[in-house]
PDB file of N, CA and C in Angstrom:
ATOM      1  N   MET A   1     110.845  70.457  93.382  1.00  0.00           N
ATOM      2  CA  MET A   1     109.479  71.745  92.765  1.00  0.00           C
ATOM      3  C   MET A   1     108.314  71.547  93.881  1.00  0.00           C
ATOM      4  N   SER A   2     107.543  72.179  93.910  1.00  0.00           N
ATOM      5  CA  SER A   2     106.479  72.635  94.711  1.00  0.00           C
ATOM      6  C   SER A   2     105.299  71.437  94.290  1.00  0.00           C
ATOM      7  N   GLU A   3     104.510  70.849  95.030  1.00  0.00           N
ATOM      8  CA  GLU A   3     103.839  70.064  94.315  1.00  0.00           C
ATOM      9  C   GLU A   3     102.624  70.824  94.037  1.00  0.00           C
ATOM     10  N   PRO A   4     102.019  70.363  92.809  1.00  0.00           N
ATOM     11  CA  PRO A   4     101.112  71.030  92.100  1.00  0.00           C
ATOM     12  C   PRO A   4      99.783  71.417  92.820  1.00  0.00           C
ATOM     13  N   HIS A   5      99.273  72.737  92.702  1.00  0.00           N
ATOM     14  CA  HIS A   5      98.310  73.371  93.224  1.00  0.00           C
ATOM     15  C   HIS A   5      98.242  73.651  94.934  1.00  0.00           C
ATOM     16  N   ALA A   6      99.784  73.586  95.352  1.00  0.00           N
ATOM     17  CA  ALA A   6     100.187  74.268  96.806  1.00  0.00           C
ATOM     18  C   ALA A   6      99.832  75.767  96.559  1.00  0.00           C
ATOM     19  N   LEU A   7      99.504  76.336  97.166  1.00  0.00           N
ATOM     20  CA  LEU A   7      99.449  77.609  97.717  1.00  0.00           C
ATOM     21  C   LEU A   7     100.060  78.293  98.093  1.00  0.00           C
ATOM     22  N   LEU A   8     101.190  79.284  97.872  1.00  0.00           N
ATOM     23  CA  LEU A   8     101.939  79.885  98.448  1.00  0.00           C
ATOM     24  C   LEU A   8     101.180  81.281  98.747  1.00  0.00           C
ATOM     25  N   ARG A   9     101.747  81.754 100.064  1.00  0.00           N
ATOM     26  CA  ARG A   9     101.409  83.037 100.278  1.00  0.00           C
ATOM     27  C   ARG A   9     102.766  83.894 101.037  1.00  0.00           C
ATOM     28  N   ARG A  10     102.735  85.208 100.556  1.00  0.00           N
ATOM     29  CA  ARG A  10     103.568  86.003 101.364  1.00  0.00           C
ATOM     30  C   ARG A  10     102.732  87.485 101.516  1.00  0.00           C
ATOM     31  N   GLU A  11     103.591  88.100 102.489  1.00  0.00           N
ATOM     32  CA  GLU A  11     103.070  89.676 103.050  1.00  0.00           C
ATOM     33  C   GLU A  11     104.020  90.782 102.087  1.00  0.00           C
ATOM     34  N   ALA A  12     103.523  91.574 102.009  1.00  0.00           N
ATOM     35  CA  ALA A  12     104.410  92.631 100.858  1.00  0.00           C
ATOM     36  C   ALA A  12     103.638  94.177 101.322  1.00  0.00           C
ATOM     37  N   THR A  13     104.269  94.856 100.640  1.00  0.00           N
ATOM     38  CA  THR A  13     103.413  96.356 100.196  1.00  0.00           C
ATOM     39  C   THR A  13     103.641  96.684  98.899  1.00  0.00           C
ATOM     40  N   TRP A  14     102.652  97.366  98.541  1.00  0.00           N
ATOM     41  CA  TRP A  14     101.810  97.689  97.050  1.00  0.00           C
ATOM     42  C   TRP A  14     103.005  98.867  96.855  1.00  0.00           C
ATOM     43  N   PRO A  15     103.711  98.555  95.554  1.00  0.00           N
ATOM     44  CA  PRO A  15     105.022  99.373  95.296  1.00  0.00           C
ATOM     45  C   PRO A  15     104.399 101.034  94.634  1.00  0.00           C
ATOM     46  N   ASP A  16     105.447 101.589  94.661  1.00  0.00           N
ATOM     47  CA  ASP A  16     105.118 103.040  93.994  1.00  0.00           C
ATOM     48  C   ASP A  16     104.233 102.931  92.732  1.00  0.00           C
ATOM     49  N   ALA A  17     104.892 102.240  91.930  1.00  0.00           N
ATOM     50  CA  ALA A  17     104.080 102.059  90.463  1.00  0.00           C
ATOM     51  C   ALA A  17     103.734 100.892  90.130  1.00  0.00           C
ATOM     52  N   ALA A  18     102.182 101.141  89.506  1.00  0.00           N
ATOM     53  CA  ALA A  18     101.458  99.907  89.447  1.00  0.00           C
ATOM     54  C   ALA A  18     102.327  98.633  88.825  1.00  0.00           C
ATOM     55  N   ALA A  19     103.098  99.122  87.884  1.00  0.00           N
ATOM     56  CA  ALA A  19     103.539  98.116  86.854  1.00  0.00           C
ATOM     57  C   ALA A  19     105.041  97.447  87.909  1.00  0.00           C
ATOM     58  N   ALA A  20     105.289  97.637  89.090  1.00  0.00           N
ATOM     59  CA  ALA A  20     106.266  97.224  89.726  1.00  0.00           C
ATOM     60  C   ALA A  20     105.553  95.704  90.365  1.00  0.00           C
ATOM     61  N   ALA A  21     104.131  95.793  90.676  1.00  0.00           N
ATOM     62  CA  ALA A  21     103.584  94.562  90.864  1.00  0.00           C
ATOM     63  C   ALA A  21     103.907  93.131  90.409  1.00  0.00           C
ATOM     64  N   ALA A  22     104.398  93.301  89.145  1.00  0.00           N
ATOM     65  CA  ALA A  22     105.099  92.173  88.516  1.00  0.00           C
ATOM     66  C   ALA A  22     106.246  91.847  89.368  1.00  0.00           C
ATOM     67  N   MET A  23     107.023  92.764  89.943  1.00  0.00           N
ATOM     68  CA  MET A  23     108.195  92.579  90.507  1.00  0.00           C
ATOM     69  C   MET A  23     107.719  91.820  91.905  1.00  0.00           C
ATOM     70  N   LEU A  24     106.901  91.960  92.498  1.00  0.00           N
ATOM     71  CA  LEU A  24     106.464  91.241  93.727  1.00  0.00           C
ATOM     72  C   LEU A  24     105.774  89.989  93.347  1.00  0.00           C
ATOM     73  N   LEU A  25     104.998  89.750  91.841  1.00  0.00           N
ATOM     74  CA  LEU A  25     104.400  88.454  91.962  1.00  0.00           C
ATOM     75  C   LEU A  25     105.005  87.389  90.982  1.00  0.00           C
ATOM     76  N   GLN A  26     106.164  87.982  90.309  1.00  0.00           N
ATOM     77  CA  GLN A  26     106.903  86.928  89.213  1.00  0.00           C
ATOM     78  C   GLN A  26     107.418  85.836  90.434  1.00  0.00           C
ATOM     79  N   PRO A  27     108.589  86.769  91.071  1.00  0.00           N
ATOM     80  CA  PRO A  27     109.312  85.908  92.242  1.00  0.00           C
ATOM     81  C   PRO A  27     108.491  84.437  92.958  1.00  0.00           C
ATOM     82  N   LEU A  28     107.036  85.108  93.625  1.00  0.00           N
ATOM     83  CA  LEU A  28     106.666  83.853  93.926  1.00  0.00           C
ATOM     84  C   LEU A  28     105.893  82.932  92.932  1.00  0.00           C
ATOM     85  N   LEU A  29     105.641  83.248  91.506  1.00  0.00           N
ATOM     86  CA  LEU A  29     104.898  82.292  90.708  1.00  0.00           C
ATOM     87  C   LEU A  29     106.343  81.349  90.342  1.00  0.00           C
ATOM     88  N   ALA A  30     107.467  82.114  90.201  1.00  0.00           N
ATOM     89  CA  ALA A  30     108.966  80.941  89.963  1.00  0.00           C
ATOM     90  C   ALA A  30     108.914  80.122  90.953  1.00  0.00           C
ATOM     91  N   GLU A  31     108.852  80.421  92.480  1.00  0.00           N
ATOM     92  CA  GLU A  31     109.068  79.556  93.498  1.00  0.00           C
ATOM     93  C   GLU A  31     107.830  78.840  93.565  1.00  0.00           C
ATOM     94  N   ALA A  32     106.928  78.772  92.833  1.00  0.00           N
ATOM     95  CA  ALA A  32     105.427  77.938  92.995  1.00  0.00           C
ATOM     96  C   ALA A  32     105.939  77.055  91.652  1.00  0.00           C
ATOM     97  N   ALA A  33     106.724  77.620  90.492  1.00  0.00           N
ATOM     98  CA  ALA A  33     106.987  76.701  89.568  1.00  0.00           C
ATOM     99  C   ALA A  33     108.088  75.635  89.898  1.00  0.00           C
ATOM    100  N   GLY A  34     108.908  76.101  90.595  1.00  0.00           N
ATOM    101  CA  GLY A  34     110.058  75.257  90.993  1.00  0.00           C
ATOM    102  C   GLY A  34     111.445  75.549  90.351  1.00  0.00           C
ATOM    103  N   SER A  35     112.406  75.232  91.205  1.00  0.00           N
ATOM    104  CA  SER A  35     113.855  75.618  90.761  1.00  0.00           C
ATOM    105  C   SER A  35     114.302  75.215  89.192  1.00  0.00           C
ATOM    106  N   ASP A  36     113.598  74.257  89.051  1.00  0.00           N
ATOM    107  CA  ASP A  36     113.976  74.037  87.606  1.00  0.00           C
ATOM    108  C   ASP A  36     113.373  74.851  86.516  1.00  0.00           C
ATOM    109  N   ALA A  37     112.799  75.640  86.740  1.00  0.00           N
ATOM    110  CA  ALA A  37     111.743  76.508  85.858  1.00  0.00           C
ATOM    111  C   ALA A  37     112.190  77.768  85.571  1.00  0.00           C
ATOM    112  N   ARG A  38     112.367  78.141  83.923  1.00  0.00           N
ATOM    113  CA  ARG A  38     112.600  79.539  83.524  1.00  0.00           C
ATOM    114  C   ARG A  38     111.677  80.329  83.101  1.00  0.00           C
ATOM    115  N   PRO A  39     111.218  81.400  83.582  1.00  0.00           N
ATOM    116  CA  PRO A  39     110.092  82.460  83.001  1.00  0.00           C
ATOM    117  C   PRO A  39     110.116  82.081  81.234  1.00  0.00           C
ATOM    118  N   VAL A  40     108.758  82.156  80.648  1.00  0.00           N
ATOM    119  CA  VAL A  40     108.758  82.162  79.537  1.00  0.00           C
ATOM    120  C   VAL A  40     107.759  83.306  79.185  1.00  0.00           C
ATOM    121  N   SER A  41     106.582  83.576  79.907  1.00  0.00           N
ATOM    122  CA  SER A  41     106.136  84.700  79.265  1.00  0.00           C
ATOM    123  C   SER A  41     105.223  85.045  81.049  1.00  0.00           C
ATOM    124  N   LEU A  42     104.945  86.304  81.057  1.00  0.00           N
ATOM    125  CA  LEU A  42     104.253  86.866  82.311  1.00  0.00           C
ATOM    126  C   LEU A  42     103.164  87.778  81.809  1.00  0.00           C
ATOM    127  N   THR A  43     101.787  87.478  82.349  1.00  0.00           N
ATOM    128  CA  THR A  43     100.751  88.369  81.853  1.00  0.00           C
ATOM    129  C   THR A  43     100.127  88.934  83.167  1.00  0.00           C
ATOM    130  N   LEU A  44     100.036  90.263  83.305  1.00  0.00           N
ATOM    131  CA  LEU A  44      99.518  90.698  84.673  1.00  0.00           C
ATOM    132  C   LEU A  44      98.313  91.657  84.341  1.00  0.00           C
ATOM    133  N   ASP A  45      97.383  91.494  85.032  1.00  0.00           N
ATOM    134  CA  ASP A  45      96.101  92.227  85.017  1.00  0.00           C
ATOM    135  C   ASP A  45      95.712  93.010  86.210  1.00  0.00           C
ATOM    136  N   TYR A  46      95.385  94.388  86.326  1.00  0.00           N
ATOM    137  CA  TYR A  46      94.935  95.019  87.463  1.00  0.00           C
ATOM    138  C   TYR A  46      93.659  94.901  87.754  1.00  0.00           C
ATOM    139  N   GLY A  47      93.265  94.956  89.020  1.00  0.00           N
ATOM    140  CA  GLY A  47      91.678  95.171  89.553  1.00  0.00           C
ATOM    141  C   GLY A  47      91.835  96.329  90.446  1.00  0.00           C
ATOM    142  N   ALA A  48      91.528  96.047  91.967  1.00  0.00           N
ATOM    143  CA  ALA A  48      91.049  97.177  92.983  1.00  0.00           C
ATOM    144  C   ALA A  48      92.408  97.933  92.667  1.00  0.00           C
ATOM    145  N   PRO A  49      91.864  99.548  92.793  1.00  0.00           N
ATOM    146  CA  PRO A  49      93.323 100.332  93.310  1.00  0.00           C
ATOM    147  C   PRO A  49      93.798  99.889  94.411  1.00  0.00           C
ATOM    148  N   ALA A  50      95.020 100.204  94.729  1.00  0.00           N
ATOM    149  CA  ALA A  50      95.584 100.182  95.963  1.00  0.00           C
ATOM    150  C   ALA A  50      96.850 101.223  96.093  1.00  0.00           C
ATOM    151  N   GLU A  51      96.974 101.844  97.359  1.00  0.00           N
ATOM    152  CA  GLU A  51      97.893 103.036  97.540  1.00  0.00           C
ATOM    153  C   GLU A  51      99.232 102.483  97.580  1.00  0.00           C
ATOM    154  N   ALA A  52     100.166 103.020  97.397  1.00  0.00           N
ATOM    155  CA  ALA A  52     101.682 103.001  97.450  1.00  0.00           C
ATOM    156  C   ALA A  52     101.853 102.771  98.937  1.00  0.00           C
ATOM    157  N   GLY A  53     102.598 101.366  99.255  1.00  0.00           N
ATOM    158  CA  GLY A  53     102.914 101.293 100.449  1.00  0.00           C
ATOM    159  C   GLY A  53     101.723 100.432 101.373  1.00  0.00           C
ATOM    160  N   ALA A  54     100.596 100.284 100.596  1.00  0.00           N
ATOM    161  CA  ALA A  54      99.642  99.689 101.162  1.00  0.00           C
ATOM    162  C   ALA A  54      99.943  97.685 101.644  1.00  0.00           C
ATOM    163  N   PRO A  55      99.460  97.244 102.388  1.00  0.00           N
ATOM    164  CA  PRO A  55      99.852  96.088 102.765  1.00  0.00           C
ATOM    165  C   PRO A  55      99.043  95.631 101.653  1.00  0.00           C
ATOM    166  N   VAL A  56      99.686  94.353 101.068  1.00  0.00           N
ATOM    167  CA  VAL A  56      99.151  93.333 100.317  1.00  0.00           C
ATOM    168  C   VAL A  56      99.302  91.999 100.628  1.00  0.00           C
ATOM    169  N   THR A  57      98.706  91.065 100.178  1.00  0.00           N
ATOM    170  CA  THR A  57      98.756  89.824 100.475  1.00  0.00           C
ATOM    171  C   THR A  57      99.114  88.991  99.002  1.00  0.00           C
ATOM    172  N   LEU A  58     100.352  88.350  98.780  1.00  0.00           N
ATOM    173  CA  LEU A  58     100.392  87.509  97.431  1.00  0.00           C
ATOM    174  C   LEU A  58     100.412  86.169  97.687  1.00  0.00           C
ATOM    175  N   GLU A  59      99.635  85.618  96.751  1.00  0.00           N
ATOM    176  CA  GLU A  59      99.469  84.100  96.489  1.00  0.00           C
ATOM    177  C   GLU A  59      99.581  83.881  95.293  1.00  0.00           C
ATOM    178  N   ALA A  60     100.294  82.284  95.111  1.00  0.00           N
ATOM    179  CA  ALA A  60     100.616  82.004  93.460  1.00  0.00           C
ATOM    180  C   ALA A  60     100.536  80.275  93.751  1.00  0.00           C
ATOM    181  N   GLN A  61     100.007  79.597  92.923  1.00  0.00           N
ATOM    182  CA  GLN A  61      99.962  78.481  93.033  1.00  0.00           C
ATOM    183  C   GLN A  61     100.176  77.860  90.956  1.00  0.00           C
ATOM    184  N   VAL A  62     100.677  76.752  91.268  1.00  0.00           N
ATOM    185  CA  VAL A  62     100.679  75.958  89.853  1.00  0.00           C
ATOM    186  C   VAL A  62      98.955  75.202  89.628  1.00  0.00           C
ATOM    187  N   GLU A  63      99.049  75.785  88.319  1.00  0.00           N
ATOM    188  CA  GLU A  63      97.635  75.276  87.782  1.00  0.00           C
ATOM    189  C   GLU A  63      97.474  74.078  86.860  1.00  0.00           C
ATOM    190  N   ARG A  64      98.862  74.086  86.326  1.00  0.00           N
ATOM    191  CA  ARG A  64      98.944  73.016  85.558  1.00  0.00           C
ATOM    192  C   ARG A  64     100.671  72.597  85.131  1.00  0.00           C
ATOM    193  N   ALA A  65     100.950  71.429  85.210  1.00  0.00           N
ATOM    194  CA  ALA A  65     102.246  71.303  84.751  1.00  0.00           C
ATOM    195  C   ALA A  65     102.295  70.386  84.098  1.00  0.00           C
ATOM    196  N   THR A  66     103.574  70.114  82.932  1.00  0.00           N
ATOM    197  CA  THR A  66     103.718  68.846  81.793  1.00  0.00           C
ATOM    198  C   THR A  66     104.995  68.725  82.054  1.00  0.00           C
ATOM    199  N   ARG A  67     105.589  67.603  81.669  1.00  0.00           N
ATOM    200  CA  ARG A  67     107.058  67.334  81.545  1.00  0.00           C
ATOM    201  C   ARG A  67     107.991  68.594  81.013  1.00  0.00           C
ATOM    202  N   THR A  68     107.389  69.576  80.382  1.00  0.00           N
ATOM    203  CA  THR A  68     108.236  70.532  80.239  1.00  0.00           C
ATOM    204  C   THR A  68     108.092  72.153  80.244  1.00  0.00           C
ATOM    205  N   LEU A  69     106.629  72.425  80.569  1.00  0.00           N
ATOM    206  CA  LEU A  69     106.064  73.182  80.881  1.00  0.00           C
ATOM    207  C   LEU A  69     105.321  73.197  82.172  1.00  0.00           C
ATOM    208  N   VAL A  70     105.442  74.527  82.812  1.00  0.00           N
ATOM    209  CA  VAL A  70     104.670  74.788  84.124  1.00  0.00           C
ATOM    210  C   VAL A  70     103.852  76.182  83.968  1.00  0.00           C
ATOM    211  N   PHE A  71     102.436  76.169  84.244  1.00  0.00           N
ATOM    212  CA  PHE A  71     101.444  77.025  84.091  1.00  0.00           C
ATOM    213  C   PHE A  71     100.959  77.450  85.690  1.00  0.00           C
ATOM    214  N   ALA A  72     101.383  78.578  86.152  1.00  0.00           N
ATOM    215  CA  ALA A  72     100.996  79.308  87.209  1.00  0.00           C
ATOM    216  C   ALA A  72     100.290  80.461  87.494  1.00  0.00           C
ATOM    217  N   HIS A  73      99.461  80.470  88.206  1.00  0.00           N
ATOM    218  CA  HIS A  73      98.759  81.906  88.392  1.00  0.00           C
ATOM    219  C   HIS A  73      98.834  82.355  89.888  1.00  0.00           C
ATOM    220  N   GLY A  74      98.773  83.911  90.014  1.00  0.00           N
ATOM    221  CA  GLY A  74      98.905  84.453  91.446  1.00  0.00           C
ATOM    222  C   GLY A  74      97.975  85.588  91.384  1.00  0.00           C
ATOM    223  N   ARG A  75      98.253  86.325  92.630  1.00  0.00           N
ATOM    224  CA  ARG A  75      97.509  87.443  92.686  1.00  0.00           C
ATOM    225  C   ARG A  75      97.636  88.166  93.802  1.00  0.00           C
ATOM    226  N   LEU A  76      97.484  89.502  93.997  1.00  0.00           N
ATOM    227  CA  LEU A  76      97.924  90.432  95.102  1.00  0.00           C
ATOM    228  C   LEU A  76      96.765  90.868  95.724  1.00  0.00           C
ATOM    229  N   LEU A  77      96.299  90.623  96.876  1.00  0.00           N
ATOM    230  CA  LEU A  77      95.151  90.808  97.464  1.00  0.00           C
ATOM    231  C   LEU A  77      95.568  91.918  98.521  1.00  0.00           C
ATOM    232  N   THR A  78      94.440  93.212  98.448  1.00  0.00           N
ATOM    233  CA  THR A  78      94.432  94.231  99.308  1.00  0.00           C
ATOM    234  C   THR A  78      93.969  93.625 100.770  1.00  0.00           C
ATOM    235  N   ALA A  79      93.951  94.620 101.685  1.00  0.00           N
ATOM    236  CA  ALA A  79      93.962  94.200 103.083  1.00  0.00           C
ATOM    237  C   ALA A  79      92.323  93.789 103.331  1.00  0.00           C
ATOM    238  N   SER A  80      91.430  94.411 102.287  1.00  0.00           N
ATOM    239  CA  SER A  80      90.314  93.833 102.347  1.00  0.00           C
ATOM    240  C   SER A  80      89.518  92.819 101.508  1.00  0.00           C
ATOM    241  N   GLY A  81      90.814  92.475 100.792  1.00  0.00           N
ATOM    242  CA  GLY A  81      90.689  90.922 100.068  1.00  0.00           C
ATOM    243  C   GLY A  81      90.386  91.249  98.702  1.00  0.00           C
ATOM    244  N   GLU A  82      90.375  92.593  98.269  1.00  0.00           N
ATOM    245  CA  GLU A  82      90.370  92.696  96.866  1.00  0.00           C
ATOM    246  C   GLU A  82      91.385  92.580  96.013  1.00  0.00           C
ATOM    247  N   VAL A  83      91.173  91.864  94.851  1.00  0.00           N
ATOM    248  CA  VAL A  83      92.195  91.642  94.197  1.00  0.00           C
ATOM    249  C   VAL A  83      92.904  93.060  93.257  1.00  0.00           C
ATOM    250  N   ALA A  84      93.960  93.217  93.429  1.00  0.00           N
ATOM    251  CA  ALA A  84      94.557  94.326  92.981  1.00  0.00           C
ATOM    252  C   ALA A  84      95.379  94.024  92.116  1.00  0.00           C
ATOM    253  N   ALA A  85      95.545  92.885  91.782  1.00  0.00           N
ATOM    254  CA  ALA A  85      96.506  92.490  90.208  1.00  0.00           C
ATOM    255  C   ALA A  85      96.595  91.029  90.252  1.00  0.00           C
ATOM    256  N   SER A  86      96.275  90.710  89.209  1.00  0.00           N
ATOM    257  CA  SER A  86      96.604  89.103  89.035  1.00  0.00           C
ATOM    258  C   SER A  86      97.365  88.955  87.986  1.00  0.00           C
ATOM    259  N   GLY A  87      98.011  87.596  87.924  1.00  0.00           N
ATOM    260  CA  GLY A  87      99.010  87.272  86.864  1.00  0.00           C
ATOM    261  C   GLY A  87      98.825  85.864  86.428  1.00  0.00           C
ATOM    262  N   SER A  88      99.265  85.495  85.490  1.00  0.00           N
ATOM    263  CA  SER A  88      99.378  84.323  85.144  1.00  0.00           C
ATOM    264  C   SER A  88     100.991  83.931  84.004  1.00  0.00           C
ATOM    265  N   ALA A  89     101.511  82.763  84.344  1.00  0.00           N
ATOM    266  CA  ALA A  89     102.732  82.585  83.765  1.00  0.00           C
ATOM    267  C   ALA A  89     103.004  81.396  83.263  1.00  0.00           C
ATOM    268  N   ILE A  90     103.950  81.323  82.284  1.00  0.00           N
ATOM    269  CA  ILE A  90     104.218  79.990  81.997  1.00  0.00           C
ATOM    270  C   ILE A  90     106.142  79.902  82.101  1.00  0.00           C
ATOM    271  N   PHE A  91     106.133  78.860  82.860  1.00  0.00           N
ATOM    272  CA  PHE A  91     107.841  78.488  82.788  1.00  0.00           C
ATOM    273  C   PHE A  91     108.124  77.264  82.072  1.00  0.00           C
ATOM    274  N   ARG A  92     109.239  77.076  81.498  1.00  0.00           N
ATOM    275  CA  ARG A  92     110.166  76.119  80.625  1.00  0.00           C
ATOM    276  C   ARG A  92     110.678  75.455  81.889  1.00  0.00           C
ATOM    277  N   ARG A  93     110.491  73.930  81.986  1.00  0.00           N
ATOM    278  CA  ARG A  93     111.316  73.297  82.898  1.00  0.00           C
ATOM    279  C   ARG A  93     112.743  73.122  81.820  1.00  0.00           C
ATOM    280  N   VAL A  94     114.082  73.400  82.717  1.00  0.00           N
ATOM    281  CA  VAL A  94     115.385  73.473  82.302  1.00  0.00           C
ATOM    282  C   VAL A  94     115.625  72.124  82.174  1.00  0.00           C
ATOM    283  N   THR A  95     115.509  71.119  83.332  1.00  0.00           N
ATOM    284  CA  THR A  95     115.789  69.824  82.766  1.00  0.00           C
ATOM    285  C   THR A  95     115.063  69.090  82.459  1.00  0.00           C
ATOM    286  N   GLY A  96     113.663  69.407  82.260  1.00  0.00           N
ATOM    287  CA  GLY A  96     113.061  67.919  81.609  1.00  0.00           C
ATOM    288  C   GLY A  96     112.190  67.196  82.549  1.00  0.00           C
ATOM    289  N   GLN A  97     112.494  67.401  83.509  1.00  0.00           N
ATOM    290  CA  GLN A  97     111.866  66.534  84.687  1.00  0.00           C
ATOM    291  C   GLN A  97     110.352  66.740  85.274  1.00  0.00           C
ATOM    292  N   THR A  98     109.743  66.102  85.484  1.00  0.00           N
ATOM    293  CA  THR A  98     108.300  66.036  86.167  1.00  0.00           C
ATOM    294  C   THR A  98     108.283  66.133  87.412  1.00  0.00           C
TER     295      THR A  98
END
């Protein structure tokens, strides 16, 4: 598992449909949570508008982790640094390891 609070970053392009932003953010949140974690919930909030195909930067990190749950937060930033979307996710550890 990634160490808690390690910030992951990736470059991508804003999708054609705003709801598809979850498809960009969820895999990075899962990577931050670790390979032993499975998604329980994902909440997505939209911010600054972005045009389809525009470059965005994805960020994700673990905010808190317990023996059984991982709480992660991420965001998609426009080229000018505005938050186009942010998301919070909860993952359950399938092995129960810390």
